[in-house]
Amino acid sequence: MSFIGPTYAVDGSLFPLIQSIQWPKTRDIVKNVKLHLKFSLTSAIAVDFVLSDEHASERAAFRTMIQPDQTYVLDRGYMEYQLVQDVDDRAAKVVVRAYNNIEVETVEELAIILPDAVKSQWSQVRDRIVRPKDPAYAHIRFRLVECTVGSTTYRLITNLYQLTTFQIILLYAYRWQIELIFRYLKHTMHGVHLITRHPTGIQNFFYALLLTALLHLRFKQRCLGEEGDNPPDSWSNEHGSSEQTSQTSDDVRRPTSHLAIARFFARLNDALTRFWKISKHWLHTLADNLSRPFTADVVRLLNKYAV
């Protein structure tokens, strides 16, 4: 991530209203609000959002977020040739999953660079420069990385050319973190239903929700730091546990059936879970101790539920 620079996953999710309201921009009566979230994959926190009615365009919301020298990772609901060009025109970078039925012409085949550990797990890997067959977009060039994992085929469009085939695929895999933050906001923090009946109140609700999540995260890291447990600043295995505790999958179709890949993801998961995830057990423990003096005993109790 430090090599790529500021990198964000962007996606939208619906939040139901307790009672329908009239949305000011469209004057429509809406029962759901869509939160278009910008989630930093570099720092693992939500940094910005746009609110709209449930039928608003996700691509239009994303266009308001694009800034130069930033990289965006998107799911296939955002796939549009012109959007890729718009990101490029604004001096930004993108990795977006394409529909499997897109039709392109090959301009140049690129070398496929993968670690040996995944070559037996991934099939039909291809890396090339292409252009759309649609004459209206034939002037647009982009990189297309394709691979099949198990029974699922991924086709990834990007304007990142300095990364290897494996790095592009891995970067898209990190997009799943935004799905986890949506689940956390809705279910762990019980923010799934909106009780306010005014758009400004809804906006304030999400500001408060995201700020609370950020404060939880900062407090958790502070408690861990008081016992000498700090977020890693390099790839060194500071906690040393993943080598011993990582387990391979029994399903041979999964990449984690290979020990090297299982260890790699165990190392990622250990740091993410310990320093950037807030569990229900940790939140319940915090709530139970809010009336107590903040002592070393409370710190130890909270850290017990850090993972």
C-alpha atoms as a PDB file:
ATOM      1  CA  MET A   1       0.000   0.000   0.000  1.00  0.00           C
ATOM      2  CA  SER A   2       2.852   2.399   0.755  1.00  0.00           C
ATOM      3  CA  PHE A   3       4.169   1.754  -2.766  1.00  0.00           C
ATOM      4  CA  ILE A   4       0.804   2.448  -4.434  1.00  0.00           C
ATOM      5  CA  GLY A   5      -0.137   5.463  -2.287  1.00  0.00           C
ATOM      6  CA  PRO A   6      -3.574   6.484  -0.953  1.00  0.00           C
ATOM      7  CA  THR A   7      -5.937   3.643  -1.881  1.00  0.00           C
ATOM      8  CA  TYR A   8      -9.687   3.510  -1.303  1.00  0.00           C
ATOM      9  CA  ALA A   9     -12.548   1.077  -1.731  1.00  0.00           C
ATOM     10  CA  VAL A  10     -15.822   2.753  -2.720  1.00  0.00           C
ATOM     11  CA  ASP A  11     -19.224   1.103  -2.569  1.00  0.00           C
ATOM     12  CA  GLY A  12     -22.851   1.796  -1.688  1.00  0.00           C
ATOM     13  CA  SER A  13     -25.213   0.152   0.785  1.00  0.00           C
ATOM     14  CA  LEU A  14     -28.890   0.655   1.613  1.00  0.00           C
ATOM     15  CA  PHE A  15     -30.047   1.650   5.092  1.00  0.00           C
ATOM     16  CA  PRO A  16     -33.813   1.303   5.731  1.00  0.00           C
ATOM     17  CA  LEU A  17     -35.793   4.114   7.325  1.00  0.00           C
ATOM     18  CA  ILE A  18     -38.197   3.483  10.185  1.00  0.00           C
ATOM     19  CA  GLN A  19     -40.629   5.792   8.393  1.00  0.00           C
ATOM     20  CA  SER A  20     -40.468   6.979   4.769  1.00  0.00           C
ATOM     21  CA  ILE A  21     -39.446  10.584   4.052  1.00  0.00           C
ATOM     22  CA  GLN A  22     -39.441  12.984   1.121  1.00  0.00           C
ATOM     23  CA  TRP A  23     -35.955  13.261  -0.370  1.00  0.00           C
ATOM     24  CA  PRO A  24     -35.180  16.952  -1.057  1.00  0.00           C
ATOM     25  CA  LYS A  25     -33.306  16.656  -4.372  1.00  0.00           C
ATOM     26  CA  THR A  26     -35.843  14.450  -6.147  1.00  0.00           C
ATOM     27  CA  ARG A  27     -38.969  15.147  -4.027  1.00  0.00           C
ATOM     28  CA  ASP A  28     -39.569  11.392  -4.127  1.00  0.00           C
ATOM     29  CA  ILE A  29     -40.848   9.460  -1.140  1.00  0.00           C
ATOM     30  CA  VAL A  30     -38.065   7.081  -0.107  1.00  0.00           C
ATOM     31  CA  LYS A  31     -38.003   4.177   2.326  1.00  0.00           C
ATOM     32  CA  ASN A  32     -34.256   3.541   2.088  1.00  0.00           C
ATOM     33  CA  VAL A  33     -31.196   5.775   2.023  1.00  0.00           C
ATOM     34  CA  LYS A  34     -28.053   4.764   0.165  1.00  0.00           C
ATOM     35  CA  LEU A  35     -24.718   5.412   1.840  1.00  0.00           C
ATOM     36  CA  HIS A  36     -21.901   5.770  -0.711  1.00  0.00           C
ATOM     37  CA  LEU A  37     -18.828   5.150   1.413  1.00  0.00           C
ATOM     38  CA  LYS A  38     -15.164   5.902   0.739  1.00  0.00           C
ATOM     39  CA  PHE A  39     -13.068   3.519   2.816  1.00  0.00           C
ATOM     40  CA  SER A  40      -9.298   3.891   3.114  1.00  0.00           C
ATOM     41  CA  LEU A  41      -7.537   0.596   2.524  1.00  0.00           C
ATOM     42  CA  THR A  42      -4.302   2.279   3.609  1.00  0.00           C
ATOM     43  CA  SER A  43      -5.489   3.207   7.117  1.00  0.00           C
ATOM     44  CA  ALA A  44      -8.523   0.851   7.371  1.00  0.00           C
ATOM     45  CA  ILE A  45     -10.997   3.627   8.271  1.00  0.00           C
ATOM     46  CA  ALA A  46     -13.949   5.307   6.539  1.00  0.00           C
ATOM     47  CA  VAL A  47     -12.930   8.784   5.364  1.00  0.00           C
ATOM     48  CA  ASP A  48     -15.881  10.201   3.402  1.00  0.00           C
ATOM     49  CA  PHE A  49     -19.425   9.475   2.294  1.00  0.00           C
ATOM     50  CA  VAL A  50     -22.227  10.720   0.055  1.00  0.00           C
ATOM     51  CA  LEU A  51     -25.930  10.233   0.828  1.00  0.00           C
ATOM     52  CA  SER A  52     -28.609   9.696  -1.798  1.00  0.00           C
ATOM     53  CA  ASP A  53     -32.005   8.126  -2.274  1.00  0.00           C
ATOM     54  CA  GLU A  54     -32.086   4.405  -2.946  1.00  0.00           C
ATOM     55  CA  HIS A  55     -32.333   4.777  -6.746  1.00  0.00           C
ATOM     56  CA  ALA A  56     -29.429   7.216  -7.215  1.00  0.00           C
ATOM     57  CA  SER A  57     -26.510   6.302  -9.474  1.00  0.00           C
ATOM     58  CA  GLU A  58     -23.494   4.821  -7.704  1.00  0.00           C
ATOM     59  CA  ARG A  59     -21.263   5.961 -10.563  1.00  0.00           C
ATOM     60  CA  ALA A  60     -22.439   9.561 -10.183  1.00  0.00           C
ATOM     61  CA  ALA A  61     -21.726   9.465  -6.445  1.00  0.00           C
ATOM     62  CA  PHE A  62     -18.270   8.007  -7.075  1.00  0.00           C
ATOM     63  CA  ARG A  63     -17.426  10.720  -9.604  1.00  0.00           C
ATOM     64  CA  THR A  64     -17.804  13.329  -6.843  1.00  0.00           C
ATOM     65  CA  MET A  65     -15.127  11.512  -4.800  1.00  0.00           C
ATOM     66  CA  ILE A  66     -12.391  11.203  -7.428  1.00  0.00           C
ATOM     67  CA  GLN A  67      -9.187  13.064  -6.574  1.00  0.00           C
ATOM     68  CA  PRO A  68      -5.786  13.092  -8.321  1.00  0.00           C
ATOM     69  CA  ASP A  69      -3.056  10.657  -7.247  1.00  0.00           C
ATOM     70  CA  GLN A  70      -5.509   8.338  -5.492  1.00  0.00           C
ATOM     71  CA  THR A  71      -6.328   4.716  -6.324  1.00  0.00           C
ATOM     72  CA  TYR A  72      -9.888   3.374  -6.182  1.00  0.00           C
ATOM     73  CA  VAL A  73     -11.041  -0.252  -6.003  1.00  0.00           C
ATOM     74  CA  LEU A  74     -14.599  -0.871  -7.208  1.00  0.00           C
ATOM     75  CA  ASP A  75     -16.974  -3.787  -7.685  1.00  0.00           C
ATOM     76  CA  ARG A  76     -18.581  -4.536 -11.052  1.00  0.00           C
ATOM     77  CA  GLY A  77     -21.661  -2.408 -10.339  1.00  0.00           C
ATOM     78  CA  TYR A  78     -19.456   0.577 -11.239  1.00  0.00           C
ATOM     79  CA  MET A  79     -18.164  -0.952 -14.464  1.00  0.00           C
ATOM     80  CA  GLU A  80     -18.371   1.560 -17.316  1.00  0.00           C
ATOM     81  CA  TYR A  81     -15.792   2.337 -19.997  1.00  0.00           C
ATOM     82  CA  GLN A  82     -16.340   6.087 -19.710  1.00  0.00           C
ATOM     83  CA  LEU A  83     -15.864   5.919 -15.943  1.00  0.00           C
ATOM     84  CA  VAL A  84     -12.430   4.341 -16.429  1.00  0.00           C
ATOM     85  CA  GLN A  85     -11.556   7.165 -18.820  1.00  0.00           C
ATOM     86  CA  ASP A  86     -12.888   9.801 -16.400  1.00  0.00           C
ATOM     87  CA  VAL A  87     -10.689   8.439 -13.601  1.00  0.00           C
ATOM     88  CA  ASP A  88      -7.673   8.489 -15.915  1.00  0.00           C
ATOM     89  CA  ASP A  89      -8.444  12.049 -17.058  1.00  0.00           C
ATOM     90  CA  ARG A  90      -8.400  13.175 -13.411  1.00  0.00           C
ATOM     91  CA  ALA A  91      -4.923  11.691 -12.874  1.00  0.00           C
ATOM     92  CA  ALA A  92      -6.293   8.969 -10.583  1.00  0.00           C
ATOM     93  CA  LYS A  93      -6.066   5.171 -10.716  1.00  0.00           C
ATOM     94  CA  VAL A  94      -8.744   2.489 -10.589  1.00  0.00           C
ATOM     95  CA  VAL A  95      -9.220  -1.265 -10.346  1.00  0.00           C
ATOM     96  CA  VAL A  96     -12.790  -2.254 -11.182  1.00  0.00           C
ATOM     97  CA  ARG A  97     -14.283  -5.671 -11.748  1.00  0.00           C
ATOM     98  CA  ALA A  98     -15.785  -6.035 -15.216  1.00  0.00           C
ATOM     99  CA  TYR A  99     -18.776  -8.021 -16.368  1.00  0.00           C
ATOM    100  CA  ASN A 100     -17.796 -11.400 -17.783  1.00  0.00           C
ATOM    101  CA  ASN A 101     -19.530 -10.688 -21.091  1.00  0.00           C
ATOM    102  CA  ILE A 102     -17.529  -7.584 -22.069  1.00  0.00           C
ATOM    103  CA  GLU A 103     -16.094  -7.702 -25.587  1.00  0.00           C
ATOM    104  CA  VAL A 104     -12.592  -6.342 -26.138  1.00  0.00           C
ATOM    105  CA  GLU A 105      -9.778  -6.471 -28.677  1.00  0.00           C
ATOM    106  CA  THR A 106      -6.245  -7.254 -27.581  1.00  0.00           C
ATOM    107  CA  VAL A 107      -3.682  -4.519 -28.177  1.00  0.00           C
ATOM    108  CA  GLU A 108      -0.757  -6.110 -26.348  1.00  0.00           C
ATOM    109  CA  GLU A 109      -0.188  -9.244 -24.273  1.00  0.00           C
ATOM    110  CA  LEU A 110       1.639  -8.608 -20.996  1.00  0.00           C
ATOM    111  CA  ALA A 111       3.861 -10.934 -19.000  1.00  0.00           C
ATOM    112  CA  ILE A 112       1.990 -12.842 -16.278  1.00  0.00           C
ATOM    113  CA  ILE A 113       3.830 -12.431 -12.973  1.00  0.00           C
ATOM    114  CA  LEU A 114       2.543 -14.632 -10.131  1.00  0.00           C
ATOM    115  CA  PRO A 115       4.160 -16.187  -7.055  1.00  0.00           C
ATOM    116  CA  ASP A 116       4.797 -19.907  -7.475  1.00  0.00           C
ATOM    117  CA  ALA A 117       2.457 -20.615  -4.549  1.00  0.00           C
ATOM    118  CA  VAL A 118      -0.656 -19.502  -6.437  1.00  0.00           C
ATOM    119  CA  LYS A 119       0.097 -20.844  -9.894  1.00  0.00           C
ATOM    120  CA  SER A 120      -1.483 -24.194  -9.067  1.00  0.00           C
ATOM    121  CA  GLN A 121      -4.495 -22.528  -7.412  1.00  0.00           C
ATOM    122  CA  TRP A 122      -5.448 -20.003 -10.087  1.00  0.00           C
ATOM    123  CA  SER A 123      -6.253 -20.953 -13.667  1.00  0.00           C
ATOM    124  CA  GLN A 124      -6.836 -19.161 -16.979  1.00  0.00           C
ATOM    125  CA  VAL A 125      -4.698 -16.212 -15.909  1.00  0.00           C
ATOM    126  CA  ARG A 126      -4.225 -13.559 -18.572  1.00  0.00           C
ATOM    127  CA  ASP A 127      -2.816 -10.025 -18.532  1.00  0.00           C
ATOM    128  CA  ARG A 128      -3.105  -7.671 -21.513  1.00  0.00           C
ATOM    129  CA  ILE A 129      -3.762  -4.187 -22.848  1.00  0.00           C
ATOM    130  CA  VAL A 130      -7.147  -4.021 -24.603  1.00  0.00           C
ATOM    131  CA  ARG A 131      -9.724  -1.698 -26.130  1.00  0.00           C
ATOM    132  CA  PRO A 132     -13.518  -2.116 -26.304  1.00  0.00           C
ATOM    133  CA  LYS A 133     -15.041  -3.534 -29.478  1.00  0.00           C
ATOM    134  CA  ASP A 134     -17.847  -0.996 -29.155  1.00  0.00           C
ATOM    135  CA  PRO A 135     -16.914   1.721 -31.729  1.00  0.00           C
ATOM    136  CA  ALA A 136     -18.127   4.459 -29.363  1.00  0.00           C
ATOM    137  CA  TYR A 137     -15.386   3.534 -26.855  1.00  0.00           C
ATOM    138  CA  ALA A 138     -12.707   2.141 -29.196  1.00  0.00           C
ATOM    139  CA  HIS A 139     -10.428   5.095 -28.337  1.00  0.00           C
ATOM    140  CA  ILE A 140     -10.154   3.962 -24.706  1.00  0.00           C
ATOM    141  CA  ARG A 141      -7.242   1.709 -23.713  1.00  0.00           C
ATOM    142  CA  PHE A 142      -6.947  -0.134 -20.407  1.00  0.00           C
ATOM    143  CA  ARG A 143      -5.306  -3.141 -18.809  1.00  0.00           C
ATOM    144  CA  LEU A 144      -7.410  -6.277 -18.365  1.00  0.00           C
ATOM    145  CA  VAL A 145      -6.322  -8.907 -15.816  1.00  0.00           C
ATOM    146  CA  GLU A 146      -8.257 -12.182 -15.804  1.00  0.00           C
ATOM    147  CA  CYS A 147      -8.076 -15.223 -13.554  1.00  0.00           C
ATOM    148  CA  THR A 148     -10.262 -18.051 -12.312  1.00  0.00           C
ATOM    149  CA  VAL A 149     -10.273 -19.041  -8.639  1.00  0.00           C
ATOM    150  CA  GLY A 150     -12.290 -22.180  -8.001  1.00  0.00           C
ATOM    151  CA  SER A 151     -15.430 -21.763 -10.099  1.00  0.00           C
ATOM    152  CA  THR A 152     -15.363 -17.932 -10.169  1.00  0.00           C
ATOM    153  CA  THR A 153     -13.772 -15.918 -12.963  1.00  0.00           C
ATOM    154  CA  TYR A 154     -12.554 -12.383 -12.269  1.00  0.00           C
ATOM    155  CA  ARG A 155     -11.979  -9.816 -15.014  1.00  0.00           C
ATOM    156  CA  LEU A 156     -10.325  -6.695 -13.634  1.00  0.00           C
ATOM    157  CA  ILE A 157     -10.040  -3.441 -15.538  1.00  0.00           C
ATOM    158  CA  THR A 158      -7.307  -1.054 -14.423  1.00  0.00           C
ATOM    159  CA  ASN A 159      -5.092   1.821 -15.521  1.00  0.00           C
ATOM    160  CA  LEU A 160      -2.325   0.692 -13.132  1.00  0.00           C
ATOM    161  CA  TYR A 161       0.530  -0.536 -15.281  1.00  0.00           C
ATOM    162  CA  GLN A 162       3.450  -0.646 -12.829  1.00  0.00           C
ATOM    163  CA  LEU A 163       1.987  -3.467 -10.712  1.00  0.00           C
ATOM    164  CA  THR A 164       2.359  -7.187 -11.359  1.00  0.00           C
ATOM    165  CA  THR A 165      -0.530  -9.469 -12.274  1.00  0.00           C
ATOM    166  CA  PHE A 166      -0.624 -10.817  -8.725  1.00  0.00           C
ATOM    167  CA  GLN A 167      -0.635  -7.341  -7.168  1.00  0.00           C
ATOM    168  CA  ILE A 168      -3.652  -6.263  -9.226  1.00  0.00           C
ATOM    169  CA  ILE A 169      -5.603  -9.365  -8.162  1.00  0.00           C
ATOM    170  CA  LEU A 170      -4.579  -8.921  -4.517  1.00  0.00           C
ATOM    171  CA  LEU A 171      -5.537  -5.247  -4.587  1.00  0.00           C
ATOM    172  CA  TYR A 172      -9.046  -6.149  -5.724  1.00  0.00           C
ATOM    173  CA  ALA A 173      -9.232  -8.789  -2.963  1.00  0.00           C
ATOM    174  CA  TYR A 174      -8.716  -5.999  -0.407  1.00  0.00           C
ATOM    175  CA  ARG A 175     -12.018  -4.473  -1.595  1.00  0.00           C
ATOM    176  CA  TRP A 176     -13.834  -6.937   0.675  1.00  0.00           C
ATOM    177  CA  GLN A 177     -12.870  -4.741   3.648  1.00  0.00           C
ATOM    178  CA  ILE A 178     -15.602  -2.231   2.729  1.00  0.00           C
ATOM    179  CA  GLU A 179     -18.211  -5.017   2.895  1.00  0.00           C
ATOM    180  CA  LEU A 180     -16.993  -5.767   6.415  1.00  0.00           C
ATOM    181  CA  ILE A 181     -17.298  -2.119   7.520  1.00  0.00           C
ATOM    182  CA  PHE A 182     -20.897  -2.021   6.238  1.00  0.00           C
ATOM    183  CA  ARG A 183     -21.661  -5.147   8.250  1.00  0.00           C
ATOM    184  CA  TYR A 184     -19.955  -3.622  11.294  1.00  0.00           C
ATOM    185  CA  LEU A 185     -21.929  -0.367  11.055  1.00  0.00           C
ATOM    186  CA  LYS A 186     -25.249  -2.142  10.550  1.00  0.00           C
ATOM    187  CA  HIS A 187     -25.020  -5.071  12.910  1.00  0.00           C
ATOM    188  CA  THR A 188     -22.198  -4.619  15.422  1.00  0.00           C
ATOM    189  CA  MET A 189     -23.050  -0.944  16.041  1.00  0.00           C
ATOM    190  CA  HIS A 190     -26.797  -1.512  15.476  1.00  0.00           C
ATOM    191  CA  GLY A 191     -26.946   1.259  12.868  1.00  0.00           C
ATOM    192  CA  VAL A 192     -29.055  -0.617  10.336  1.00  0.00           C
ATOM    193  CA  HIS A 193     -32.288   1.370  10.907  1.00  0.00           C
ATOM    194  CA  LEU A 194     -32.458   5.162  10.673  1.00  0.00           C
ATOM    195  CA  ILE A 195     -34.962   6.777  13.016  1.00  0.00           C
ATOM    196  CA  THR A 196     -34.469  10.415  11.961  1.00  0.00           C
ATOM    197  CA  ARG A 197     -36.924  11.891   9.444  1.00  0.00           C
ATOM    198  CA  HIS A 198     -34.800  14.714   8.028  1.00  0.00           C
ATOM    199  CA  PRO A 199     -31.937  14.414   5.477  1.00  0.00           C
ATOM    200  CA  THR A 200     -29.670  16.626   7.611  1.00  0.00           C
ATOM    201  CA  GLY A 201     -30.373  14.428  10.620  1.00  0.00           C
ATOM    202  CA  ILE A 202     -29.521  11.358   8.560  1.00  0.00           C
ATOM    203  CA  GLN A 203     -26.237  12.954   7.544  1.00  0.00           C
ATOM    204  CA  ASN A 204     -25.436  13.799  11.179  1.00  0.00           C
ATOM    205  CA  PHE A 205     -26.321  10.235  12.167  1.00  0.00           C
ATOM    206  CA  PHE A 206     -23.683   8.826   9.808  1.00  0.00           C
ATOM    207  CA  TYR A 207     -21.108  11.395  10.920  1.00  0.00           C
ATOM    208  CA  ALA A 208     -21.715  10.334  14.522  1.00  0.00           C
ATOM    209  CA  LEU A 209     -21.624   6.640  13.598  1.00  0.00           C
ATOM    210  CA  LEU A 210     -18.308   6.900  11.754  1.00  0.00           C
ATOM    211  CA  LEU A 211     -16.735   9.134  14.416  1.00  0.00           C
ATOM    212  CA  THR A 212     -17.804   6.711  17.147  1.00  0.00           C
ATOM    213  CA  ALA A 213     -16.278   3.816  15.226  1.00  0.00           C
ATOM    214  CA  LEU A 214     -13.065   5.822  14.842  1.00  0.00           C
ATOM    215  CA  LEU A 215     -12.944   6.609  18.569  1.00  0.00           C
ATOM    216  CA  HIS A 216     -13.522   2.943  19.405  1.00  0.00           C
ATOM    217  CA  LEU A 217     -10.621   2.043  17.145  1.00  0.00           C
ATOM    218  CA  ARG A 218      -8.311   4.667  18.642  1.00  0.00           C
ATOM    219  CA  PHE A 219      -9.201   3.595  22.170  1.00  0.00           C
ATOM    220  CA  LYS A 220      -8.623  -0.086  21.387  1.00  0.00           C
ATOM    221  CA  GLN A 221      -5.187   0.666  19.938  1.00  0.00           C
ATOM    222  CA  ARG A 222      -4.351   2.829  22.957  1.00  0.00           C
ATOM    223  CA  CYS A 223      -5.242  -0.018  25.344  1.00  0.00           C
ATOM    224  CA  LEU A 224      -3.113  -2.464  23.364  1.00  0.00           C
ATOM    225  CA  GLY A 225      -0.272   0.064  23.342  1.00  0.00           C
ATOM    226  CA  GLU A 226      -0.345   0.331  27.134  1.00  0.00           C
ATOM    227  CA  GLU A 227       0.651  -3.335  27.234  1.00  0.00           C
ATOM    228  CA  GLY A 228       3.348  -2.853  24.585  1.00  0.00           C
ATOM    229  CA  ASP A 229       1.289  -4.205  21.680  1.00  0.00           C
ATOM    230  CA  ASN A 230       1.457  -1.712  18.781  1.00  0.00           C
ATOM    231  CA  PRO A 231       0.398  -1.946  15.112  1.00  0.00           C
ATOM    232  CA  PRO A 232       3.209  -3.337  12.929  1.00  0.00           C
ATOM    233  CA  ASP A 233       4.994  -0.789  10.762  1.00  0.00           C
ATOM    234  CA  SER A 234       6.549  -3.372   8.455  1.00  0.00           C
ATOM    235  CA  TRP A 235       6.062  -6.896   7.083  1.00  0.00           C
ATOM    236  CA  SER A 236       8.110  -8.367   9.904  1.00  0.00           C
ATOM    237  CA  ASN A 237       6.067 -10.923  11.832  1.00  0.00           C
ATOM    238  CA  GLU A 238       6.176  -9.098  15.164  1.00  0.00           C
ATOM    239  CA  HIS A 239       3.546 -11.224  16.869  1.00  0.00           C
ATOM    240  CA  GLY A 240       5.029 -14.456  15.563  1.00  0.00           C
ATOM    241  CA  SER A 241       1.792 -16.407  15.887  1.00  0.00           C
ATOM    242  CA  SER A 242       0.636 -16.883  12.302  1.00  0.00           C
ATOM    243  CA  GLU A 243       3.402 -19.353  11.412  1.00  0.00           C
ATOM    244  CA  GLN A 244       2.247 -21.691  14.158  1.00  0.00           C
ATOM    245  CA  THR A 245      -1.540 -21.136  14.108  1.00  0.00           C
ATOM    246  CA  SER A 246      -2.319 -20.823  10.391  1.00  0.00           C
ATOM    247  CA  GLN A 247      -4.304 -23.757   9.064  1.00  0.00           C
ATOM    248  CA  THR A 248      -4.760 -24.837   5.479  1.00  0.00           C
ATOM    249  CA  SER A 249      -8.234 -25.267   4.018  1.00  0.00           C
ATOM    250  CA  ASP A 250      -9.564 -28.768   3.459  1.00  0.00           C
ATOM    251  CA  ASP A 251     -11.147 -27.547   0.216  1.00  0.00           C
ATOM    252  CA  VAL A 252      -8.469 -28.005  -2.480  1.00  0.00           C
ATOM    253  CA  ARG A 253     -10.282 -25.458  -4.680  1.00  0.00           C
ATOM    254  CA  ARG A 254      -9.459 -22.648  -2.237  1.00  0.00           C
ATOM    255  CA  PRO A 255      -6.091 -20.855  -2.467  1.00  0.00           C
ATOM    256  CA  THR A 256      -5.654 -21.251   1.312  1.00  0.00           C
ATOM    257  CA  SER A 257      -5.321 -25.020   0.842  1.00  0.00           C
ATOM    258  CA  HIS A 258      -1.685 -24.130   0.064  1.00  0.00           C
ATOM    259  CA  LEU A 259       0.309 -23.607   3.292  1.00  0.00           C
ATOM    260  CA  ALA A 260       2.233 -20.554   2.026  1.00  0.00           C
ATOM    261  CA  ILE A 261      -0.994 -18.748   1.105  1.00  0.00           C
ATOM    262  CA  ALA A 262      -2.680 -19.767   4.371  1.00  0.00           C
ATOM    263  CA  ARG A 263       0.244 -18.296   6.325  1.00  0.00           C
ATOM    264  CA  PHE A 264       0.171 -15.107   4.231  1.00  0.00           C
ATOM    265  CA  PHE A 265      -3.513 -14.481   4.966  1.00  0.00           C
ATOM    266  CA  ALA A 266      -3.074 -15.471   8.618  1.00  0.00           C
ATOM    267  CA  ARG A 267      -0.438 -12.738   8.961  1.00  0.00           C
ATOM    268  CA  LEU A 268      -2.765 -10.210   7.335  1.00  0.00           C
ATOM    269  CA  ASN A 269      -5.726 -11.279   9.432  1.00  0.00           C
ATOM    270  CA  ASP A 270      -3.839 -11.204  12.732  1.00  0.00           C
ATOM    271  CA  ALA A 271      -2.883  -7.526  12.420  1.00  0.00           C
ATOM    272  CA  LEU A 272      -6.252  -6.500  10.962  1.00  0.00           C
ATOM    273  CA  THR A 273      -8.251  -8.273  13.658  1.00  0.00           C
ATOM    274  CA  ARG A 274      -6.058  -7.129  16.522  1.00  0.00           C
ATOM    275  CA  PHE A 275      -5.714  -3.444  15.626  1.00  0.00           C
ATOM    276  CA  TRP A 276      -8.469  -2.491  13.158  1.00  0.00           C
ATOM    277  CA  LYS A 277     -11.497  -4.653  13.983  1.00  0.00           C
ATOM    278  CA  ILE A 278     -13.990  -4.016  16.769  1.00  0.00           C
ATOM    279  CA  SER A 279     -15.845  -7.140  17.908  1.00  0.00           C
ATOM    280  CA  LYS A 280     -19.160  -7.339  19.749  1.00  0.00           C
ATOM    281  CA  HIS A 281     -17.386  -8.931  22.719  1.00  0.00           C
ATOM    282  CA  TRP A 282     -14.998  -5.956  22.939  1.00  0.00           C
ATOM    283  CA  LEU A 283     -17.884  -3.472  22.704  1.00  0.00           C
ATOM    284  CA  HIS A 284     -19.903  -5.300  25.365  1.00  0.00           C
ATOM    285  CA  THR A 285     -16.874  -5.349  27.660  1.00  0.00           C
ATOM    286  CA  LEU A 286     -16.377  -1.619  27.103  1.00  0.00           C
ATOM    287  CA  ALA A 287     -20.034  -0.915  27.906  1.00  0.00           C
ATOM    288  CA  ASP A 288     -19.860  -3.008  31.070  1.00  0.00           C
ATOM    289  CA  ASN A 289     -16.858  -1.020  32.302  1.00  0.00           C
ATOM    290  CA  LEU A 290     -17.889   2.544  31.442  1.00  0.00           C
ATOM    291  CA  SER A 291     -18.812   3.249  35.071  1.00  0.00           C
ATOM    292  CA  ARG A 292     -15.484   1.964  36.417  1.00  0.00           C
ATOM    293  CA  PRO A 293     -12.227   3.927  36.825  1.00  0.00           C
ATOM    294  CA  PHE A 294      -9.912   3.420  33.871  1.00  0.00           C
ATOM    295  CA  THR A 295      -7.270   1.171  35.449  1.00  0.00           C
ATOM    296  CA  ALA A 296      -4.757  -1.429  34.302  1.00  0.00           C
ATOM    297  CA  ASP A 297      -7.321  -4.129  35.129  1.00  0.00           C
ATOM    298  CA  VAL A 298      -9.790  -2.623  32.650  1.00  0.00           C
ATOM    299  CA  VAL A 299      -7.045  -2.396  30.028  1.00  0.00           C
ATOM    300  CA  ARG A 300      -6.174  -6.077  30.489  1.00  0.00           C
ATOM    301  CA  LEU A 301      -9.850  -7.044  30.300  1.00  0.00           C
ATOM    302  CA  LEU A 302     -10.387  -5.123  27.058  1.00  0.00           C
ATOM    303  CA  ASN A 303      -7.197  -6.490  25.524  1.00  0.00           C
ATOM    304  CA  LYS A 304      -8.417  -9.989  26.320  1.00  0.00           C
ATOM    305  CA  TYR A 305     -11.072  -9.465  23.649  1.00  0.00           C
ATOM    306  CA  ALA A 306      -8.799  -7.700  21.150  1.00  0.00           C
ATOM    307  CA  VAL A 307      -8.859 -10.776  18.904  1.00  0.00           C
END
